[in-house]
């Protein structure tokens, strides 16, 4: 690993020396060269995107991703409804005040009459 670090450092120093020399002796040539490199990189990127975009598998994966997203959304909605069902009501119900009416408790009714 130490050799690799030294090698990267040496190459970086040489590249910076060459870039500085080119900037001092021929700045317009350096700008033209960087411009051409940028145009070539953009052209390669556009060609790559066009070729990758034309694959038929792309539309299948897009439809699969859409279906998976919809499935997650449905699952999230059902989970929310379950959590809403578990929530306590916002207002507490007051206990109804029931009283016992004194009366004929000892007398049992004849079940056959009903």
PDB file of N, CA and C in Angstrom:
ATOM      1  N   UNK A   1       0.818  -1.188   0.000  1.00  0.00           N
ATOM      2  CA  UNK A   1       0.000   0.000   0.000  1.00  0.00           C
ATOM      3  C   UNK A   1       0.864   1.256   0.000  1.00  0.00           C
ATOM      4  N   UNK A   2       1.997   1.233   0.688  1.00  0.00           N
ATOM      5  CA  UNK A   2       2.844   2.416   0.737  1.00  0.00           C
ATOM      6  C   UNK A   2       3.420   2.734  -0.635  1.00  0.00           C
ATOM      7  N   UNK A   3       3.738   1.699  -1.404  1.00  0.00           N
ATOM      8  CA  UNK A   3       4.284   1.915  -2.749  1.00  0.00           C
ATOM      9  C   UNK A   3       3.222   2.547  -3.637  1.00  0.00           C
ATOM     10  N   UNK A   4       1.990   2.096  -3.512  1.00  0.00           N
ATOM     11  CA  UNK A   4       0.903   2.648  -4.321  1.00  0.00           C
ATOM     12  C   UNK A   4       0.685   4.126  -3.979  1.00  0.00           C
ATOM     13  N   UNK A   5       0.724   4.470  -2.706  1.00  0.00           N
ATOM     14  CA  UNK A   5       0.553   5.864  -2.303  1.00  0.00           C
ATOM     15  C   UNK A   5       1.671   6.741  -2.860  1.00  0.00           C
ATOM     16  N   UNK A   6       2.900   6.254  -2.814  1.00  0.00           N
ATOM     17  CA  UNK A   6       4.020   7.006  -3.372  1.00  0.00           C
ATOM     18  C   UNK A   6       3.857   7.175  -4.875  1.00  0.00           C
ATOM     19  N   UNK A   7       3.420   6.122  -5.544  1.00  0.00           N
ATOM     20  CA  UNK A   7       3.255   6.179  -6.995  1.00  0.00           C
ATOM     21  C   UNK A   7       2.180   7.189  -7.380  1.00  0.00           C
ATOM     22  N   UNK A   8       1.079   7.196  -6.679  1.00  0.00           N
ATOM     23  CA  UNK A   8       0.011   8.161  -6.947  1.00  0.00           C
ATOM     24  C   UNK A   8       0.508   9.577  -6.678  1.00  0.00           C
ATOM     25  N   UNK A   9       1.258   9.761  -5.628  1.00  0.00           N
ATOM     26  CA  UNK A   9       1.807  11.080  -5.308  1.00  0.00           C
ATOM     27  C   UNK A   9       2.762  11.582  -6.377  1.00  0.00           C
ATOM     28  N   UNK A  10       3.649  10.712  -6.853  1.00  0.00           N
ATOM     29  CA  UNK A  10       4.612  11.099  -7.893  1.00  0.00           C
ATOM     30  C   UNK A  10       3.887  11.457  -9.184  1.00  0.00           C
ATOM     31  N   UNK A  11       2.905  10.660  -9.578  1.00  0.00           N
ATOM     32  CA  UNK A  11       2.157  10.942 -10.813  1.00  0.00           C
ATOM     33  C   UNK A  11       1.396  12.262 -10.680  1.00  0.00           C
ATOM     34  N   UNK A  12       0.826  12.526  -9.513  1.00  0.00           N
ATOM     35  CA  UNK A  12       0.102  13.780  -9.297  1.00  0.00           C
ATOM     36  C   UNK A  12       1.040  14.980  -9.392  1.00  0.00           C
ATOM     37  N   UNK A  13       2.226  14.878  -8.810  1.00  0.00           N
ATOM     38  CA  UNK A  13       3.194  15.981  -8.868  1.00  0.00           C
ATOM     39  C   UNK A  13       3.630  16.229 -10.302  1.00  0.00           C
ATOM     40  N   UNK A  14       3.916  15.171 -11.058  1.00  0.00           N
ATOM     41  CA  UNK A  14       4.326  15.324 -12.464  1.00  0.00           C
ATOM     42  C   UNK A  14       3.201  15.955 -13.279  1.00  0.00           C
ATOM     43  N   UNK A  15       1.949  15.540 -13.027  1.00  0.00           N
ATOM     44  CA  UNK A  15       0.809  16.106 -13.753  1.00  0.00           C
ATOM     45  C   UNK A  15       0.654  17.591 -13.436  1.00  0.00           C
ATOM     46  N   UNK A  16       0.820  17.971 -12.182  1.00  0.00           N
ATOM     47  CA  UNK A  16       0.709  19.384 -11.813  1.00  0.00           C
ATOM     48  C   UNK A  16       1.828  20.221 -12.439  1.00  0.00           C
ATOM     49  N   UNK A  17       3.034  19.660 -12.500  1.00  0.00           N
ATOM     50  CA  UNK A  17       4.145  20.370 -13.149  1.00  0.00           C
ATOM     51  C   UNK A  17       3.849  20.563 -14.628  1.00  0.00           C
ATOM     52  N   UNK A  18       3.342  19.529 -15.292  1.00  0.00           N
ATOM     53  CA  UNK A  18       3.008  19.638 -16.715  1.00  0.00           C
ATOM     54  C   UNK A  18       1.870  20.616 -16.955  1.00  0.00           C
ATOM     55  N   UNK A  19       0.862  20.606 -16.098  1.00  0.00           N
ATOM     56  CA  UNK A  19      -0.259  21.535 -16.222  1.00  0.00           C
ATOM     57  C   UNK A  19       0.203  22.977 -16.020  1.00  0.00           C
ATOM     58  N   UNK A  20       1.052  23.193 -15.028  1.00  0.00           N
ATOM     59  CA  UNK A  20       1.592  24.540 -14.790  1.00  0.00           C
ATOM     60  C   UNK A  20       2.446  25.016 -15.947  1.00  0.00           C
ATOM     61  N   UNK A  21       3.269  24.126 -16.479  1.00  0.00           N
ATOM     62  CA  UNK A  21       4.119  24.485 -17.621  1.00  0.00           C
ATOM     63  C   UNK A  21       3.278  24.834 -18.835  1.00  0.00           C
ATOM     64  N   UNK A  22       2.244  24.045 -19.095  1.00  0.00           N
ATOM     65  CA  UNK A  22       1.360  24.314 -20.228  1.00  0.00           C
ATOM     66  C   UNK A  22       0.595  25.613 -20.019  1.00  0.00           C
ATOM     67  N   UNK A  23       0.216  25.898 -18.799  1.00  0.00           N
ATOM     68  CA  UNK A  23      -0.510  27.130 -18.496  1.00  0.00           C
ATOM     69  C   UNK A  23       0.380  28.360 -18.686  1.00  0.00           C
ATOM     70  N   UNK A  24       1.645  28.228 -18.354  1.00  0.00           N
ATOM     71  CA  UNK A  24       2.571  29.357 -18.497  1.00  0.00           C
ATOM     72  C   UNK A  24       2.953  29.576 -19.956  1.00  0.00           C
ATOM     73  N   UNK A  25       3.311  28.506 -20.685  1.00  0.00           N
ATOM     74  CA  UNK A  25       3.835  28.635 -22.052  1.00  0.00           C
ATOM     75  C   UNK A  25       2.746  28.752 -23.107  1.00  0.00           C
ATOM     76  N   UNK A  26       1.613  28.053 -22.951  1.00  0.00           N
ATOM     77  CA  UNK A  26       0.575  28.060 -23.986  1.00  0.00           C
ATOM     78  C   UNK A  26      -0.808  28.001 -23.321  1.00  0.00           C
ATOM     79  N   UNK A  27      -1.277  29.102 -22.726  1.00  0.00           N
ATOM     80  CA  UNK A  27      -2.560  29.061 -22.019  1.00  0.00           C
ATOM     81  C   UNK A  27      -3.753  28.836 -22.946  1.00  0.00           C
ATOM     82  N   UNK A  28      -3.729  29.407 -24.154  1.00  0.00           N
ATOM     83  CA  UNK A  28      -4.836  29.225 -25.093  1.00  0.00           C
ATOM     84  C   UNK A  28      -4.930  27.769 -25.554  1.00  0.00           C
ATOM     85  N   UNK A  29      -3.803  27.136 -25.784  1.00  0.00           N
ATOM     86  CA  UNK A  29      -3.792  25.725 -26.172  1.00  0.00           C
ATOM     87  C   UNK A  29      -4.356  24.841 -25.062  1.00  0.00           C
ATOM     88  N   UNK A  30      -4.043  25.175 -23.808  1.00  0.00           N
ATOM     89  CA  UNK A  30      -4.566  24.413 -22.670  1.00  0.00           C
ATOM     90  C   UNK A  30      -6.085  24.543 -22.586  1.00  0.00           C
ATOM     91  N   UNK A  31      -6.585  25.761 -22.793  1.00  0.00           N
ATOM     92  CA  UNK A  31      -8.035  25.977 -22.753  1.00  0.00           C
ATOM     93  C   UNK A  31      -8.716  25.207 -23.877  1.00  0.00           C
ATOM     94  N   UNK A  32      -8.142  25.233 -25.079  1.00  0.00           N
ATOM     95  CA  UNK A  32      -8.711  24.483 -26.212  1.00  0.00           C
ATOM     96  C   UNK A  32      -8.723  22.984 -25.913  1.00  0.00           C
ATOM     97  N   UNK A  33      -7.629  22.505 -25.355  1.00  0.00           N
ATOM     98  CA  UNK A  33      -7.527  21.073 -25.060  1.00  0.00           C
ATOM     99  C   UNK A  33      -8.576  20.658 -24.015  1.00  0.00           C
ATOM    100  N   UNK A  34      -8.749  21.450 -22.965  1.00  0.00           N
ATOM    101  CA  UNK A  34      -9.762  21.143 -21.955  1.00  0.00           C
ATOM    102  C   UNK A  34     -11.168  21.208 -22.545  1.00  0.00           C
ATOM    103  N   UNK A  35     -11.410  22.154 -23.455  1.00  0.00           N
ATOM    104  CA  UNK A  35     -12.706  22.278 -24.108  1.00  0.00           C
ATOM    105  C   UNK A  35     -13.012  21.048 -24.960  1.00  0.00           C
ATOM    106  N   UNK A  36     -12.022  20.587 -25.731  1.00  0.00           N
ATOM    107  CA  UNK A  36     -12.211  19.397 -26.577  1.00  0.00           C
ATOM    108  C   UNK A  36     -12.450  18.159 -25.707  1.00  0.00           C
ATOM    109  N   UNK A  37     -11.711  18.031 -24.629  1.00  0.00           N
ATOM    110  CA  UNK A  37     -11.907  16.888 -23.729  1.00  0.00           C
ATOM    111  C   UNK A  37     -13.319  16.914 -23.143  1.00  0.00           C
ATOM    112  N   UNK A  38     -13.810  18.091 -22.778  1.00  0.00           N
ATOM    113  CA  UNK A  38     -15.167  18.219 -22.253  1.00  0.00           C
ATOM    114  C   UNK A  38     -16.219  17.837 -23.277  1.00  0.00           C
ATOM    115  N   UNK A  39     -16.052  18.290 -24.528  1.00  0.00           N
ATOM    116  CA  UNK A  39     -17.010  17.953 -25.591  1.00  0.00           C
ATOM    117  C   UNK A  39     -17.028  16.448 -25.838  1.00  0.00           C
ATOM    118  N   UNK A  40     -15.858  15.827 -25.886  1.00  0.00           N
ATOM    119  CA  UNK A  40     -15.782  14.380 -26.111  1.00  0.00           C
ATOM    120  C   UNK A  40     -16.448  13.628 -24.953  1.00  0.00           C
ATOM    121  N   UNK A  41     -16.226  14.075 -23.729  1.00  0.00           N
ATOM    122  CA  UNK A  41     -16.839  13.409 -22.573  1.00  0.00           C
ATOM    123  C   UNK A  41     -18.359  13.523 -22.622  1.00  0.00           C
ATOM    124  N   UNK A  42     -18.882  14.698 -22.984  1.00  0.00           N
ATOM    125  CA  UNK A  42     -20.332  14.882 -23.086  1.00  0.00           C
ATOM    126  C   UNK A  42     -20.901  14.013 -24.201  1.00  0.00           C
ATOM    127  N   UNK A  43     -20.204  13.928 -25.348  1.00  0.00           N
ATOM    128  CA  UNK A  43     -20.675  13.103 -26.466  1.00  0.00           C
ATOM    129  C   UNK A  43     -20.724  11.627 -26.066  1.00  0.00           C
ATOM    130  N   UNK A  44     -19.701  11.155 -25.381  1.00  0.00           N
ATOM    131  CA  UNK A  44     -19.685   9.755 -24.937  1.00  0.00           C
ATOM    132  C   UNK A  44     -20.826   9.502 -23.952  1.00  0.00           C
ATOM    133  N   UNK A  45     -21.082  10.443 -23.062  1.00  0.00           N
ATOM    134  CA  UNK A  45     -22.166  10.294 -22.091  1.00  0.00           C
ATOM    135  C   UNK A  45     -23.522  10.237 -22.788  1.00  0.00           C
ATOM    136  N   UNK A  46     -23.740  11.105 -23.770  1.00  0.00           N
ATOM    137  CA  UNK A  46     -25.019  11.118 -24.496  1.00  0.00           C
ATOM    138  C   UNK A  46     -25.215   9.816 -25.261  1.00  0.00           C
ATOM    139  N   UNK A  47     -24.171   9.340 -25.927  1.00  0.00           N
ATOM    140  CA  UNK A  47     -24.266   8.076 -26.670  1.00  0.00           C
ATOM    141  C   UNK A  47     -24.576   6.927 -25.707  1.00  0.00           C
ATOM    142  N   UNK A  48     -23.933   6.914 -24.575  1.00  0.00           N
ATOM    143  CA  UNK A  48     -24.178   5.869 -23.580  1.00  0.00           C
ATOM    144  C   UNK A  48     -25.624   5.898 -23.101  1.00  0.00           C
ATOM    145  N   UNK A  49     -26.149   7.085 -22.805  1.00  0.00           N
ATOM    146  CA  UNK A  49     -27.528   7.195 -22.329  1.00  0.00           C
ATOM    147  C   UNK A  49     -28.532   6.764 -23.392  1.00  0.00           C
ATOM    148  N   UNK A  50     -28.245   7.080 -24.653  1.00  0.00           N
ATOM    149  CA  UNK A  50     -29.163   6.687 -25.727  1.00  0.00           C
ATOM    150  C   UNK A  50     -29.163   5.169 -25.882  1.00  0.00           C
ATOM    151  N   UNK A  51     -27.991   4.559 -25.844  1.00  0.00           N
ATOM    152  CA  UNK A  51     -27.915   3.107 -26.008  1.00  0.00           C
ATOM    153  C   UNK A  51     -28.536   2.377 -24.817  1.00  0.00           C
ATOM    154  N   UNK A  52     -28.329   2.863 -23.629  1.00  0.00           N
ATOM    155  CA  UNK A  52     -28.898   2.218 -22.449  1.00  0.00           C
ATOM    156  C   UNK A  52     -30.408   2.428 -22.418  1.00  0.00           C
ATOM    157  N   UNK A  53     -30.879   3.573 -22.860  1.00  0.00           N
ATOM    158  CA  UNK A  53     -32.305   3.875 -22.832  1.00  0.00           C
ATOM    159  C   UNK A  53     -33.117   3.071 -23.826  1.00  0.00           C
ATOM    160  N   UNK A  54     -32.519   2.528 -24.858  1.00  0.00           N
ATOM    161  CA  UNK A  54     -33.251   1.785 -25.888  1.00  0.00           C
ATOM    162  C   UNK A  54     -33.447   0.312 -25.556  1.00  0.00           C
ATOM    163  N   UNK A  55     -32.921  -0.160 -24.465  1.00  0.00           N
ATOM    164  CA  UNK A  55     -33.102  -1.569 -24.114  1.00  0.00           C
ATOM    165  C   UNK A  55     -34.562  -1.820 -23.761  1.00  0.00           C
ATOM    166  N   UNK A  56     -35.149  -2.931 -24.243  1.00  0.00           N
ATOM    167  CA  UNK A  56     -36.541  -3.224 -23.899  1.00  0.00           C
ATOM    168  C   UNK A  56     -36.722  -3.561 -22.418  1.00  0.00           C
ATOM    169  N   UNK A  57     -35.683  -4.032 -21.764  1.00  0.00           N
ATOM    170  CA  UNK A  57     -35.775  -4.375 -20.352  1.00  0.00           C
ATOM    171  C   UNK A  57     -36.008  -3.132 -19.505  1.00  0.00           C
ATOM    172  N   UNK A  58     -35.625  -2.005 -20.044  1.00  0.00           N
ATOM    173  CA  UNK A  58     -35.755  -0.751 -19.291  1.00  0.00           C
ATOM    174  C   UNK A  58     -37.225  -0.455 -18.967  1.00  0.00           C
ATOM    175  N   UNK A  59     -38.105  -0.638 -19.956  1.00  0.00           N
ATOM    176  CA  UNK A  59     -39.519  -0.361 -19.708  1.00  0.00           C
ATOM    177  C   UNK A  59     -40.103  -1.365 -18.716  1.00  0.00           C
ATOM    178  N   UNK A  60     -39.634  -2.611 -18.787  1.00  0.00           N
ATOM    179  CA  UNK A  60     -40.112  -3.616 -17.841  1.00  0.00           C
ATOM    180  C   UNK A  60     -39.679  -3.266 -16.416  1.00  0.00           C
ATOM    181  N   UNK A  61     -38.432  -2.853 -16.282  1.00  0.00           N
ATOM    182  CA  UNK A  61     -37.966  -2.501 -14.940  1.00  0.00           C
ATOM    183  C   UNK A  61     -38.678  -1.251 -14.434  1.00  0.00           C
ATOM    184  N   UNK A  62     -39.013  -0.338 -15.339  1.00  0.00           N
ATOM    185  CA  UNK A  62     -39.734   0.866 -14.940  1.00  0.00           C
ATOM    186  C   UNK A  62     -41.136   0.507 -14.448  1.00  0.00           C
ATOM    187  N   UNK A  63     -41.805  -0.405 -15.181  1.00  0.00           N
ATOM    188  CA  UNK A  63     -43.150  -0.802 -14.756  1.00  0.00           C
ATOM    189  C   UNK A  63     -43.088  -1.589 -13.444  1.00  0.00           C
ATOM    190  N   UNK A  64     -42.046  -2.396 -13.270  1.00  0.00           N
ATOM    191  CA  UNK A  64     -41.884  -3.126 -12.014  1.00  0.00           C
ATOM    192  C   UNK A  64     -41.671  -2.153 -10.854  1.00  0.00           C
ATOM    193  N   UNK A  65     -40.844  -1.143 -11.081  1.00  0.00           N
ATOM    194  CA  UNK A  65     -40.594  -0.156 -10.029  1.00  0.00           C
ATOM    195  C   UNK A  65     -41.874   0.596  -9.682  1.00  0.00           C
ATOM    196  N   UNK A  66     -42.680   0.920 -10.690  1.00  0.00           N
ATOM    197  CA  UNK A  66     -43.941   1.620 -10.446  1.00  0.00           C
ATOM    198  C   UNK A  66     -44.887   0.744  -9.621  1.00  0.00           C
ATOM    199  N   UNK A  67     -44.958  -0.559  -9.973  1.00  0.00           N
ATOM    200  CA  UNK A  67     -45.831  -1.474  -9.233  1.00  0.00           C
ATOM    201  C   UNK A  67     -45.350  -1.645  -7.788  1.00  0.00           C
ATOM    202  N   UNK A  68     -44.038  -1.731  -7.605  1.00  0.00           N
ATOM    203  CA  UNK A  68     -43.503  -1.869  -6.252  1.00  0.00           C
ATOM    204  C   UNK A  68     -43.799  -0.625  -5.424  1.00  0.00           C
ATOM    205  N   UNK A  69     -43.701   0.536  -6.043  1.00  0.00           N
ATOM    206  CA  UNK A  69     -43.994   1.788  -5.342  1.00  0.00           C
ATOM    207  C   UNK A  69     -45.462   1.842  -4.926  1.00  0.00           C
ATOM    208  N   UNK A  70     -46.349   1.406  -5.836  1.00  0.00           N
ATOM    209  CA  UNK A  70     -47.776   1.393  -5.527  1.00  0.00           C
ATOM    210  C   UNK A  70     -48.075   0.415  -4.398  1.00  0.00           C
ATOM    211  N   UNK A  71     -47.401  -0.736  -4.423  1.00  0.00           N
ATOM    212  CA  UNK A  71     -47.599  -1.730  -3.377  1.00  0.00           C
ATOM    213  C   UNK A  71     -47.168  -1.183  -2.016  1.00  0.00           C
ATOM    214  N   UNK A  72     -46.043  -0.477  -1.991  1.00  0.00           N
ATOM    215  CA  UNK A  72     -45.587   0.117  -0.736  1.00  0.00           C
ATOM    216  C   UNK A  72     -46.575   1.157  -0.239  1.00  0.00           C
ATOM    217  N   UNK A  73     -47.140   1.929  -1.170  1.00  0.00           N
ATOM    218  CA  UNK A  73     -48.097   2.960  -0.784  1.00  0.00           C
ATOM    219  C   UNK A  73     -49.349   2.322  -0.187  1.00  0.00           C
ATOM    220  N   UNK A  74     -49.828   1.232  -0.801  1.00  0.00           N
ATOM    221  CA  UNK A  74     -51.007   0.541  -0.271  1.00  0.00           C
ATOM    222  C   UNK A  74     -50.727  -0.019   1.117  1.00  0.00           C
ATOM    223  N   UNK A  75     -49.544  -0.593   1.284  1.00  0.00           N
ATOM    224  CA  UNK A  75     -49.182  -1.167   2.569  1.00  0.00           C
ATOM    225  C   UNK A  75     -49.122  -0.080   3.634  1.00  0.00           C
ATOM    226  N   UNK A  76     -48.596   1.080   3.283  1.00  0.00           N
ATOM    227  CA  UNK A  76     -48.495   2.179   4.227  1.00  0.00           C
ATOM    228  C   UNK A  76     -49.881   2.672   4.634  1.00  0.00           C
ATOM    229  N   UNK A  77     -50.815   2.728   3.687  1.00  0.00           N
ATOM    230  CA  UNK A  77     -52.170   3.182   3.999  1.00  0.00           C
ATOM    231  C   UNK A  77     -52.845   2.212   4.951  1.00  0.00           C
ATOM    232  N   UNK A  78     -52.683   0.899   4.717  1.00  0.00           N
ATOM    233  CA  UNK A  78     -53.314  -0.076   5.602  1.00  0.00           C
ATOM    234  C   UNK A  78     -52.699  -0.028   6.992  1.00  0.00           C
ATOM    235  N   UNK A  79     -51.414   0.221   7.078  1.00  0.00           N
ATOM    236  CA  UNK A  79     -50.786   0.328   8.382  1.00  0.00           C
ATOM    237  C   UNK A  79     -51.290   1.553   9.126  1.00  0.00           C
ATOM    238  N   UNK A  80     -51.541   2.626   8.410  1.00  0.00           N
ATOM    239  CA  UNK A  80     -52.052   3.823   9.057  1.00  0.00           C
ATOM    240  C   UNK A  80     -53.450   3.579   9.605  1.00  0.00           C
ATOM    241  N   UNK A  81     -54.269   2.854   8.850  1.00  0.00           N
ATOM    242  CA  UNK A  81     -55.622   2.597   9.342  1.00  0.00           C
ATOM    243  C   UNK A  81     -55.576   1.728  10.592  1.00  0.00           C
ATOM    244  N   UNK A  82     -54.675   0.748  10.623  1.00  0.00           N
ATOM    245  CA  UNK A  82     -54.556  -0.083  11.818  1.00  0.00           C
ATOM    246  C   UNK A  82     -54.100   0.747  13.009  1.00  0.00           C
ATOM    247  N   UNK A  83     -53.158   1.641  12.785  1.00  0.00           N
ATOM    248  CA  UNK A  83     -52.683   2.462  13.892  1.00  0.00           C
ATOM    249  C   UNK A  83     -53.754   3.445  14.330  1.00  0.00           C
ATOM    250  N   UNK A  84     -54.568   3.912  13.398  1.00  0.00           N
ATOM    251  CA  UNK A  84     -55.648   4.812  13.771  1.00  0.00           C
ATOM    252  C   UNK A  84     -56.694   4.078  14.597  1.00  0.00           C
ATOM    253  N   UNK A  85     -56.907   2.801  14.284  1.00  0.00           N
ATOM    254  CA  UNK A  85     -57.879   2.024  15.044  1.00  0.00           C
ATOM    255  C   UNK A  85     -57.387   1.812  16.472  1.00  0.00           C
ATOM    256  N   UNK A  86     -56.094   1.721  16.660  1.00  0.00           N
ATOM    257  CA  UNK A  86     -55.530   1.464  17.975  1.00  0.00           C
ATOM    258  C   UNK A  86     -55.483   2.723  18.846  1.00  0.00           C
ATOM    259  N   UNK A  87     -55.584   3.876  18.236  1.00  0.00           N
ATOM    260  CA  UNK A  87     -55.487   5.117  18.992  1.00  0.00           C
ATOM    261  C   UNK A  87     -56.662   5.258  19.949  1.00  0.00           C
ATOM    262  N   UNK A  88     -56.393   5.902  21.053  1.00  0.00           N
ATOM    263  CA  UNK A  88     -57.446   6.173  22.017  1.00  0.00           C
ATOM    264  C   UNK A  88     -58.306   7.312  21.480  1.00  0.00           C
ATOM    265  N   UNK A  89     -59.560   7.334  21.825  1.00  0.00           N
ATOM    266  CA  UNK A  89     -60.402   8.439  21.363  1.00  0.00           C
ATOM    267  C   UNK A  89     -59.909   9.760  21.946  1.00  0.00           C
ATOM    268  N   UNK A  90     -60.141  10.823  21.203  1.00  0.00           N
ATOM    269  CA  UNK A  90     -59.647  12.120  21.624  1.00  0.00           C
ATOM    270  C   UNK A  90     -60.348  12.623  22.882  1.00  0.00           C
ATOM    271  N   UNK A  91     -61.656  12.447  22.958  1.00  0.00           N
ATOM    272  CA  UNK A  91     -62.356  12.900  24.158  1.00  0.00           C
ATOM    273  C   UNK A  91     -62.783  11.679  24.955  1.00  0.00           C
ATOM    274  N   UNK A  92     -62.659  11.792  26.236  1.00  0.00           N
ATOM    275  CA  UNK A  92     -63.041  10.679  27.099  1.00  0.00           C
ATOM    276  C   UNK A  92     -64.541  10.713  27.321  1.00  0.00           C
ATOM    277  N   UNK A  93     -65.120   9.547  27.320  1.00  0.00           N
ATOM    278  CA  UNK A  93     -66.551   9.457  27.590  1.00  0.00           C
ATOM    279  C   UNK A  93     -66.767   9.508  29.096  1.00  0.00           C
ATOM    280  N   UNK A  94     -67.757  10.242  29.484  1.00  0.00           N
ATOM    281  CA  UNK A  94     -68.060  10.303  30.912  1.00  0.00           C
ATOM    282  C   UNK A  94     -68.872   9.072  31.297  1.00  0.00           C
ATOM    283  N   UNK A  95     -68.627   8.604  32.482  1.00  0.00           N
ATOM    284  CA  UNK A  95     -69.344   7.420  32.957  1.00  0.00           C
ATOM    285  C   UNK A  95     -70.805   7.789  33.189  1.00  0.00           C
ATOM    286  N   UNK A  96     -71.696   6.932  32.733  1.00  0.00           N
ATOM    287  CA  UNK A  96     -73.120   7.214  32.940  1.00  0.00           C
ATOM    288  C   UNK A  96     -73.458   6.983  34.406  1.00  0.00           C
ATOM    289  N   UNK A  97     -74.250   7.835  34.951  1.00  0.00           N
ATOM    290  CA  UNK A  97     -74.599   7.749  36.366  1.00  0.00           C
ATOM    291  C   UNK A  97     -75.877   6.921  36.505  1.00  0.00           C
ATOM    292  N   UNK A  98     -75.687   5.674  36.839  1.00  0.00           N
ATOM    293  CA  UNK A  98     -76.819   4.766  37.003  1.00  0.00           C
ATOM    294  C   UNK A  98     -77.103   4.577  38.491  1.00  0.00           C
ATOM    295  N   UNK A  99     -78.346   4.498  38.775  1.00  0.00           N
ATOM    296  CA  UNK A  99     -78.740   4.252  40.168  1.00  0.00           C
ATOM    297  C   UNK A  99     -79.570   2.985  40.231  1.00  0.00           C
ATOM    298  N   UNK A 100     -79.503   2.320  41.354  1.00  0.00           N
ATOM    299  CA  UNK A 100     -80.274   1.103  41.564  1.00  0.00           C
ATOM    300  C   UNK A 100     -81.602   1.487  42.193  1.00  0.00           C
ATOM    301  N   UNK A 101     -82.662   1.011  41.572  1.00  0.00           N
ATOM    302  CA  UNK A 101     -84.000   1.305  42.088  1.00  0.00           C
ATOM    303  C   UNK A 101     -84.379   0.191  43.049  1.00  0.00           C
ATOM    304  N   UNK A 102     -84.698   0.572  44.226  1.00  0.00           N
ATOM    305  CA  UNK A 102     -85.102  -0.412  45.225  1.00  0.00           C
ATOM    306  C   UNK A 102     -86.493  -0.916  44.874  1.00  0.00           C
ATOM    307  N   UNK A 103     -86.663  -2.214  44.973  1.00  0.00           N
ATOM    308  CA  UNK A 103     -87.968  -2.764  44.654  1.00  0.00           C
ATOM    309  C   UNK A 103     -88.069  -4.209  45.063  1.00  0.00           C
ATOM    310  N   UNK A 104     -88.833  -4.969  44.311  1.00  0.00           N
ATOM    311  CA  UNK A 104     -89.101  -6.368  44.632  1.00  0.00           C
ATOM    312  C   UNK A 104     -88.000  -7.235  44.036  1.00  0.00           C
ATOM    313  N   UNK A 105     -86.901  -7.325  44.701  1.00  0.00           N
ATOM    314  CA  UNK A 105     -85.779  -8.101  44.185  1.00  0.00           C
ATOM    315  C   UNK A 105     -85.921  -9.581  44.529  1.00  0.00           C
ATOM    316  N   UNK A 106     -86.528  -9.893  45.609  1.00  0.00           N
ATOM    317  CA  UNK A 106     -86.595 -11.271  46.062  1.00  0.00           C
ATOM    318  C   UNK A 106     -87.592 -12.096  45.270  1.00  0.00           C
ATOM    319  N   UNK A 107     -88.540 -11.489  44.650  1.00  0.00           N
ATOM    320  CA  UNK A 107     -89.577 -12.218  43.937  1.00  0.00           C
ATOM    321  C   UNK A 107     -89.041 -12.643  42.576  1.00  0.00           C
ATOM    322  N   UNK A 108     -88.985 -13.968  42.337  1.00  0.00           N
ATOM    323  CA  UNK A 108     -88.500 -14.461  41.059  1.00  0.00           C
ATOM    324  C   UNK A 108     -89.654 -14.591  40.101  1.00  0.00           C
ATOM    325  N   UNK A 109     -89.409 -14.252  38.868  1.00  0.00           N
ATOM    326  CA  UNK A 109     -90.460 -14.338  37.861  1.00  0.00           C
ATOM    327  C   UNK A 109     -90.549 -15.759  37.340  1.00  0.00           C
ATOM    328  N   UNK A 110     -91.724 -16.153  36.963  1.00  0.00           N
ATOM    329  CA  UNK A 110     -91.944 -17.471  36.404  1.00  0.00           C
ATOM    330  C   UNK A 110     -91.491 -17.441  34.950  1.00  0.00           C
ATOM    331  N   UNK A 111     -90.561 -18.247  34.618  1.00  0.00           N
ATOM    332  CA  UNK A 111     -90.003 -18.241  33.270  1.00  0.00           C
ATOM    333  C   UNK A 111     -90.978 -18.802  32.242  1.00  0.00           C
ATOM    334  N   UNK A 112     -91.905 -19.594  32.648  1.00  0.00           N
ATOM    335  CA  UNK A 112     -92.859 -20.191  31.711  1.00  0.00           C
ATOM    336  C   UNK A 112     -93.835 -19.168  31.167  1.00  0.00           C
ATOM    337  N   UNK A 113     -94.032 -18.087  31.851  1.00  0.00           N
ATOM    338  CA  UNK A 113     -94.976 -17.065  31.402  1.00  0.00           C
ATOM    339  C   UNK A 113     -94.417 -16.322  30.190  1.00  0.00           C
ATOM    340  N   UNK A 114     -93.187 -16.098  30.182  1.00  0.00           N
ATOM    341  CA  UNK A 114     -92.598 -15.349  29.077  1.00  0.00           C
ATOM    342  C   UNK A 114     -92.648 -16.172  27.862  1.00  0.00           C
TER     343      UNK A 114
END
